[in-house]
Amino acid sequence: MTDSPELAARLAELEAENAQLRAASGVVEPAARAPRGRWRAGSVNSGLRRGLAQRGADTGAFGAWLYRWRTLVLVVIAAAAVAWLLLLRPLSVGDVVLVLVVSLIVWCLVEVLQRRPEDVAAAAW
C-alpha cells in the first residue's frame, strides 16, 4: 500500500508504539473502532465497484443517478422497510429480522451499483 519500504517500516513502528501506549493506559476506545469498520465496508464496496468496472460491468447513467441521489434512495429503502413492517402487523421477531436482512441486502446492492467518480477514475488506470 505504501510506495517505499522506509514508509512501511516507519508506519509499523508508529502502530506498534500506539498499541503499547493504549495497552499501558488501559483505556478502551470503542468510538475509535467504529470509523475503521465503516472504512472497511466502504473499501469493500469500492473494491467491488472498481473490479466490476475493470471487467466492463458499468452501471452507466443509472449508477451515476444512484450516486447523485444516494441519500434519497436510502430514505426510500428505510421508508419501504417501515411500511413493510406496518403491513406485517402483528409483528414477530422473525418478521423484523426478515425486513432488516432484506433492507440491508438492498442497501448493499445500492452501494455497489453506484458509479462514484473516484472509482471510475481509478478503473481508467
Foldseek 3Di string as FASTA:
>chain_A
DDDDPVVVVVVVVVVVVVVVVCVVVVDDDPVVVVVVVVVVLLVVLLVLLLVCVLVVNALPPVQQVCVVCVVVVLVVLVVVLVVQPVVPPPDDPVSNVVSVVVSVVVNSVSSNNHDDPVSNVVSVD
